[in-house]
Amino acid sequence: MSEAPLYDVVRNDEEQYSLWQADRDLPLGWHREGTRGTREECVAHIDSVWTDIRPRSVRERQQAART
């Protein structure tokens, strides 16, 4: 019986989160966030930290329009 793969939580420059298998190279534009675990653990972490799913650039534009 094989072990379940480990995943890393990754984030791009727009502060969007995703999962990536820990043993694979990341695609361009994505960086390891520092959390590693099972798929379920990583999804739970993302759910707790990614509370505003708008891309950073959209949040900044909307904030600038309000001021």
PDB file of N, CA and C in Angstrom:
ATOM      1  N   MET A   1       0.832  -1.172   0.000  1.00  0.00           N
ATOM      2  CA  MET A   1       0.000   0.000   0.000  1.00  0.00           C
ATOM      3  C   MET A   1       0.879   1.239   0.000  1.00  0.00           C
ATOM      4  N   SER A   2       0.656   2.150  -0.939  1.00  0.00           N
ATOM      5  CA  SER A   2       1.500   3.337  -1.030  1.00  0.00           C
ATOM      6  C   SER A   2       0.968   4.449  -0.129  1.00  0.00           C
ATOM      7  N   GLU A   3       1.884   5.320   0.262  1.00  0.00           N
ATOM      8  CA  GLU A   3       1.511   6.452   1.103  1.00  0.00           C
ATOM      9  C   GLU A   3       0.822   7.523   0.260  1.00  0.00           C
ATOM     10  N   ALA A   4      -0.055   8.269   0.903  1.00  0.00           N
ATOM     11  CA  ALA A   4      -0.704   9.385   0.225  1.00  0.00           C
ATOM     12  C   ALA A   4       0.350  10.443  -0.088  1.00  0.00           C
ATOM     13  N   PRO A   5       0.252  11.079  -1.244  1.00  0.00           N
ATOM     14  CA  PRO A   5       1.242  12.106  -1.587  1.00  0.00           C
ATOM     15  C   PRO A   5       1.118  13.319  -0.676  1.00  0.00           C
ATOM     16  N   LEU A   6       2.233  14.003  -0.484  1.00  0.00           N
ATOM     17  CA  LEU A   6       2.225  15.256   0.252  1.00  0.00           C
ATOM     18  C   LEU A   6       2.020  16.405  -0.724  1.00  0.00           C
ATOM     19  N   TYR A   7       1.386  17.447  -0.231  1.00  0.00           N
ATOM     20  CA  TYR A   7       1.117  18.631  -1.035  1.00  0.00           C
ATOM     21  C   TYR A   7       1.714  19.848  -0.355  1.00  0.00           C
ATOM     22  N   ASP A   8       2.032  20.854  -1.167  1.00  0.00           N
ATOM     23  CA  ASP A   8       2.432  22.162  -0.675  1.00  0.00           C
ATOM     24  C   ASP A   8       1.328  23.148  -1.011  1.00  0.00           C
ATOM     25  N   VAL A   9       1.111  24.097  -0.101  1.00  0.00           N
ATOM     26  CA  VAL A   9       0.245  25.222  -0.410  1.00  0.00           C
ATOM     27  C   VAL A   9       1.106  26.222  -1.175  1.00  0.00           C
ATOM     28  N   VAL A  10       0.618  26.657  -2.308  1.00  0.00           N
ATOM     29  CA  VAL A  10       1.359  27.603  -3.137  1.00  0.00           C
ATOM     30  C   VAL A  10       0.509  28.853  -3.352  1.00  0.00           C
ATOM     31  N   ARG A  11       1.207  29.959  -3.633  1.00  0.00           N
ATOM     32  CA  ARG A  11       0.537  31.235  -3.836  1.00  0.00           C
ATOM     33  C   ARG A  11       1.232  31.969  -4.976  1.00  0.00           C
ATOM     34  N   ASN A  12       0.445  32.696  -5.764  1.00  0.00           N
ATOM     35  CA  ASN A  12       1.040  33.469  -6.857  1.00  0.00           C
ATOM     36  C   ASN A  12       1.125  34.940  -6.461  1.00  0.00           C
ATOM     37  N   ASP A  13       1.618  35.776  -7.367  1.00  0.00           N
ATOM     38  CA  ASP A  13       1.797  37.195  -7.069  1.00  0.00           C
ATOM     39  C   ASP A  13       0.481  37.931  -6.902  1.00  0.00           C
ATOM     40  N   GLU A  14      -0.611  37.343  -7.343  1.00  0.00           N
ATOM     41  CA  GLU A  14      -1.939  37.933  -7.155  1.00  0.00           C
ATOM     42  C   GLU A  14      -2.574  37.456  -5.841  1.00  0.00           C
ATOM     43  N   GLU A  15      -1.772  36.745  -5.029  1.00  0.00           N
ATOM     44  CA  GLU A  15      -2.193  36.226  -3.735  1.00  0.00           C
ATOM     45  C   GLU A  15      -3.349  35.245  -3.849  1.00  0.00           C
ATOM     46  N   GLN A  16      -3.324  34.451  -4.919  1.00  0.00           N
ATOM     47  CA  GLN A  16      -4.268  33.352  -5.099  1.00  0.00           C
ATOM     48  C   GLN A  16      -3.571  32.078  -4.649  1.00  0.00           C
ATOM     49  N   TYR A  17      -4.301  31.202  -4.008  1.00  0.00           N
ATOM     50  CA  TYR A  17      -3.740  29.985  -3.433  1.00  0.00           C
ATOM     51  C   TYR A  17      -4.124  28.759  -4.247  1.00  0.00           C
ATOM     52  N   SER A  18      -3.285  27.729  -4.134  1.00  0.00           N
ATOM     53  CA  SER A  18      -3.568  26.451  -4.766  1.00  0.00           C
ATOM     54  C   SER A  18      -2.765  25.370  -4.051  1.00  0.00           C
ATOM     55  N   LEU A  19      -2.948  24.136  -4.480  1.00  0.00           N
ATOM     56  CA  LEU A  19      -2.184  22.990  -3.989  1.00  0.00           C
ATOM     57  C   LEU A  19      -1.256  22.517  -5.094  1.00  0.00           C
ATOM     58  N   TRP A  20      -0.130  21.973  -4.699  1.00  0.00           N
ATOM     59  CA  TRP A  20       0.791  21.402  -5.671  1.00  0.00           C
ATOM     60  C   TRP A  20       1.482  20.234  -5.015  1.00  0.00           C
ATOM     61  N   GLN A  21       1.609  19.129  -5.737  1.00  0.00           N
ATOM     62  CA  GLN A  21       2.310  17.979  -5.163  1.00  0.00           C
ATOM     63  C   GLN A  21       3.718  18.387  -4.778  1.00  0.00           C
ATOM     64  N   ALA A  22       4.109  18.018  -3.559  1.00  0.00           N
ATOM     65  CA  ALA A  22       5.370  18.484  -2.983  1.00  0.00           C
ATOM     66  C   ALA A  22       6.595  18.065  -3.784  1.00  0.00           C
ATOM     67  N   ASP A  23       6.513  16.950  -4.488  1.00  0.00           N
ATOM     68  CA  ASP A  23       7.693  16.459  -5.210  1.00  0.00           C
ATOM     69  C   ASP A  23       7.789  16.987  -6.637  1.00  0.00           C
ATOM     70  N   ARG A  24       6.923  17.911  -7.010  1.00  0.00           N
ATOM     71  CA  ARG A  24       6.934  18.452  -8.380  1.00  0.00           C
ATOM     72  C   ARG A  24       7.445  19.879  -8.391  1.00  0.00           C
ATOM     73  N   ASP A  25       8.093  20.244  -9.484  1.00  0.00           N
ATOM     74  CA  ASP A  25       8.521  21.633  -9.665  1.00  0.00           C
ATOM     75  C   ASP A  25       7.292  22.512  -9.854  1.00  0.00           C
ATOM     76  N   LEU A  26       7.382  23.720  -9.343  1.00  0.00           N
ATOM     77  CA  LEU A  26       6.256  24.640  -9.459  1.00  0.00           C
ATOM     78  C   LEU A  26       6.216  25.287 -10.841  1.00  0.00           C
ATOM     79  N   PRO A  27       5.020  25.598 -11.319  1.00  0.00           N
ATOM     80  CA  PRO A  27       4.924  26.361 -12.560  1.00  0.00           C
ATOM     81  C   PRO A  27       5.381  27.798 -12.309  1.00  0.00           C
ATOM     82  N   LEU A  28       5.767  28.477 -13.358  1.00  0.00           N
ATOM     83  CA  LEU A  28       6.214  29.861 -13.236  1.00  0.00           C
ATOM     84  C   LEU A  28       5.137  30.718 -12.581  1.00  0.00           C
ATOM     85  N   GLY A  29       5.580  31.622 -11.728  1.00  0.00           N
ATOM     86  CA  GLY A  29       4.664  32.548 -11.084  1.00  0.00           C
ATOM     87  C   GLY A  29       4.079  32.064  -9.774  1.00  0.00           C
ATOM     88  N   TRP A  30       4.384  30.841  -9.353  1.00  0.00           N
ATOM     89  CA  TRP A  30       3.860  30.291  -8.107  1.00  0.00           C
ATOM     90  C   TRP A  30       5.014  30.058  -7.135  1.00  0.00           C
ATOM     91  N   HIS A  31       4.738  30.240  -5.844  1.00  0.00           N
ATOM     92  CA  HIS A  31       5.754  30.118  -4.798  1.00  0.00           C
ATOM     93  C   HIS A  31       5.186  29.296  -3.648  1.00  0.00           C
ATOM     94  N   ARG A  32       6.051  28.484  -3.059  1.00  0.00           N
ATOM     95  CA  ARG A  32       5.606  27.716  -1.894  1.00  0.00           C
ATOM     96  C   ARG A  32       5.347  28.671  -0.736  1.00  0.00           C
ATOM     97  N   GLU A  33       4.229  28.506  -0.095  1.00  0.00           N
ATOM     98  CA  GLU A  33       3.786  29.381   0.988  1.00  0.00           C
ATOM     99  C   GLU A  33       4.335  28.930   2.332  1.00  0.00           C
ATOM    100  N   GLY A  34       4.698  27.674   2.447  1.00  0.00           N
ATOM    101  CA  GLY A  34       5.298  27.169   3.674  1.00  0.00           C
ATOM    102  C   GLY A  34       4.519  26.063   4.362  1.00  0.00           C
ATOM    103  N   THR A  35       3.331  25.764   3.886  1.00  0.00           N
ATOM    104  CA  THR A  35       2.514  24.711   4.478  1.00  0.00           C
ATOM    105  C   THR A  35       2.601  23.454   3.632  1.00  0.00           C
ATOM    106  N   ARG A  36       2.881  22.332   4.277  1.00  0.00           N
ATOM    107  CA  ARG A  36       2.957  21.042   3.588  1.00  0.00           C
ATOM    108  C   ARG A  36       2.176  20.022   4.396  1.00  0.00           C
ATOM    109  N   GLY A  37       1.458  19.157   3.706  1.00  0.00           N
ATOM    110  CA  GLY A  37       0.707  18.111   4.396  1.00  0.00           C
ATOM    111  C   GLY A  37      -0.124  17.316   3.423  1.00  0.00           C
ATOM    112  N   THR A  38      -1.104  16.631   3.966  1.00  0.00           N
ATOM    113  CA  THR A  38      -2.021  15.888   3.105  1.00  0.00           C
ATOM    114  C   THR A  38      -2.876  16.887   2.336  1.00  0.00           C
ATOM    115  N   ARG A  39      -3.564  16.387   1.340  1.00  0.00           N
ATOM    116  CA  ARG A  39      -4.461  17.251   0.563  1.00  0.00           C
ATOM    117  C   ARG A  39      -5.484  17.924   1.491  1.00  0.00           C
ATOM    118  N   GLU A  40      -6.055  17.146   2.378  1.00  0.00           N
ATOM    119  CA  GLU A  40      -7.072  17.665   3.286  1.00  0.00           C
ATOM    120  C   GLU A  40      -6.507  18.734   4.217  1.00  0.00           C
ATOM    121  N   GLU A  41      -5.305  18.514   4.744  1.00  0.00           N
ATOM    122  CA  GLU A  41      -4.675  19.512   5.619  1.00  0.00           C
ATOM    123  C   GLU A  41      -4.406  20.814   4.872  1.00  0.00           C
ATOM    124  N   CYS A  42      -3.925  20.692   3.644  1.00  0.00           N
ATOM    125  CA  CYS A  42      -3.619  21.886   2.855  1.00  0.00           C
ATOM    126  C   CYS A  42      -4.888  22.639   2.465  1.00  0.00           C
ATOM    127  N   VAL A  43      -5.935  21.919   2.098  1.00  0.00           N
ATOM    128  CA  VAL A  43      -7.208  22.572   1.773  1.00  0.00           C
ATOM    129  C   VAL A  43      -7.747  23.304   2.999  1.00  0.00           C
ATOM    130  N   ALA A  44      -7.650  22.680   4.172  1.00  0.00           N
ATOM    131  CA  ALA A  44      -8.117  23.327   5.402  1.00  0.00           C
ATOM    132  C   ALA A  44      -7.319  24.599   5.675  1.00  0.00           C
ATOM    133  N   HIS A  45      -6.020  24.560   5.440  1.00  0.00           N
ATOM    134  CA  HIS A  45      -5.189  25.750   5.644  1.00  0.00           C
ATOM    135  C   HIS A  45      -5.602  26.859   4.676  1.00  0.00           C
ATOM    136  N   ILE A  46      -5.770  26.520   3.413  1.00  0.00           N
ATOM    137  CA  ILE A  46      -6.180  27.520   2.425  1.00  0.00           C
ATOM    138  C   ILE A  46      -7.525  28.123   2.816  1.00  0.00           C
ATOM    139  N   ASP A  47      -8.467  27.291   3.237  1.00  0.00           N
ATOM    140  CA  ASP A  47      -9.773  27.793   3.665  1.00  0.00           C
ATOM    141  C   ASP A  47      -9.655  28.796   4.806  1.00  0.00           C
ATOM    142  N   SER A  48      -8.661  28.608   5.679  1.00  0.00           N
ATOM    143  CA  SER A  48      -8.524  29.502   6.832  1.00  0.00           C
ATOM    144  C   SER A  48      -7.805  30.803   6.502  1.00  0.00           C
ATOM    145  N   VAL A  49      -6.934  30.806   5.490  1.00  0.00           N
ATOM    146  CA  VAL A  49      -6.160  32.020   5.206  1.00  0.00           C
ATOM    147  C   VAL A  49      -6.629  32.798   3.984  1.00  0.00           C
ATOM    148  N   TRP A  50      -7.311  32.151   3.069  1.00  0.00           N
ATOM    149  CA  TRP A  50      -7.719  32.818   1.829  1.00  0.00           C
ATOM    150  C   TRP A  50      -9.187  33.191   1.942  1.00  0.00           C
ATOM    151  N   THR A  51      -9.441  34.254   2.670  1.00  0.00           N
ATOM    152  CA  THR A  51     -10.814  34.636   2.959  1.00  0.00           C
ATOM    153  C   THR A  51     -11.393  35.592   1.924  1.00  0.00           C
ATOM    154  N   ASP A  52     -10.547  36.244   1.163  1.00  0.00           N
ATOM    155  CA  ASP A  52     -11.003  37.147   0.097  1.00  0.00           C
ATOM    156  C   ASP A  52     -10.389  36.635  -1.198  1.00  0.00           C
ATOM    157  N   ILE A  53     -11.192  35.982  -2.027  1.00  0.00           N
ATOM    158  CA  ILE A  53     -10.632  35.295  -3.194  1.00  0.00           C
ATOM    159  C   ILE A  53     -10.393  36.207  -4.391  1.00  0.00           C
ATOM    160  N   ARG A  54     -10.686  37.501  -4.244  1.00  0.00           N
ATOM    161  CA  ARG A  54     -10.389  38.407  -5.355  1.00  0.00           C
ATOM    162  C   ARG A  54      -8.877  38.504  -5.537  1.00  0.00           C
ATOM    163  N   PRO A  55      -8.392  38.554  -6.783  1.00  0.00           N
ATOM    164  CA  PRO A  55      -6.967  38.757  -7.001  1.00  0.00           C
ATOM    165  C   PRO A  55      -6.514  40.085  -6.371  1.00  0.00           C
ATOM    166  N   ARG A  56      -5.270  40.130  -5.948  1.00  0.00           N
ATOM    167  CA  ARG A  56      -4.720  41.326  -5.299  1.00  0.00           C
ATOM    168  C   ARG A  56      -4.935  42.577  -6.128  1.00  0.00           C
ATOM    169  N   SER A  57      -4.693  42.498  -7.440  1.00  0.00           N
ATOM    170  CA  SER A  57      -4.828  43.678  -8.287  1.00  0.00           C
ATOM    171  C   SER A  57      -6.265  44.203  -8.298  1.00  0.00           C
ATOM    172  N   VAL A  58      -7.236  43.319  -8.244  1.00  0.00           N
ATOM    173  CA  VAL A  58      -8.644  43.732  -8.202  1.00  0.00           C
ATOM    174  C   VAL A  58      -8.939  44.399  -6.867  1.00  0.00           C
ATOM    175  N   ARG A  59      -8.475  43.813  -5.766  1.00  0.00           N
ATOM    176  CA  ARG A  59      -8.684  44.416  -4.450  1.00  0.00           C
ATOM    177  C   ARG A  59      -8.086  45.814  -4.393  1.00  0.00           C
ATOM    178  N   GLU A  60      -6.872  45.965  -4.927  1.00  0.00           N
ATOM    179  CA  GLU A  60      -6.216  47.277  -4.903  1.00  0.00           C
ATOM    180  C   GLU A  60      -6.964  48.300  -5.742  1.00  0.00           C
ATOM    181  N   ARG A  61      -7.426  47.895  -6.926  1.00  0.00           N
ATOM    182  CA  ARG A  61      -8.194  48.828  -7.765  1.00  0.00           C
ATOM    183  C   ARG A  61      -9.485  49.243  -7.091  1.00  0.00           C
ATOM    184  N   GLN A  62     -10.176  48.295  -6.490  1.00  0.00           N
ATOM    185  CA  GLN A  62     -11.424  48.620  -5.808  1.00  0.00           C
ATOM    186  C   GLN A  62     -11.173  49.507  -4.598  1.00  0.00           C
ATOM    187  N   GLN A  63     -10.111  49.278  -3.874  1.00  0.00           N
ATOM    188  CA  GLN A  63      -9.773  50.122  -2.731  1.00  0.00           C
ATOM    189  C   GLN A  63      -9.436  51.542  -3.185  1.00  0.00           C
ATOM    190  N   ALA A  64      -8.685  51.655  -4.275  1.00  0.00           N
ATOM    191  CA  ALA A  64      -8.319  52.981  -4.795  1.00  0.00           C
ATOM    192  C   ALA A  64      -9.551  53.737  -5.284  1.00  0.00           C
ATOM    193  N   ALA A  65     -10.506  53.027  -5.848  1.00  0.00           N
ATOM    194  CA  ALA A  65     -11.728  53.677  -6.344  1.00  0.00           C
ATOM    195  C   ALA A  65     -12.579  54.203  -5.195  1.00  0.00           C
ATOM    196  N   ARG A  66     -12.450  53.611  -3.993  1.00  0.00           N
ATOM    197  CA  ARG A  66     -13.230  54.056  -2.841  1.00  0.00           C
ATOM    198  C   ARG A  66     -12.624  55.275  -2.162  1.00  0.00           C
ATOM    199  N   THR A  67     -11.361  55.562  -2.445  1.00  0.00           N
ATOM    200  CA  THR A  67     -10.705  56.691  -1.774  1.00  0.00           C
ATOM    201  C   THR A  67     -10.643  57.906  -2.640  1.00  0.00           C
TER     202      THR A  67
END
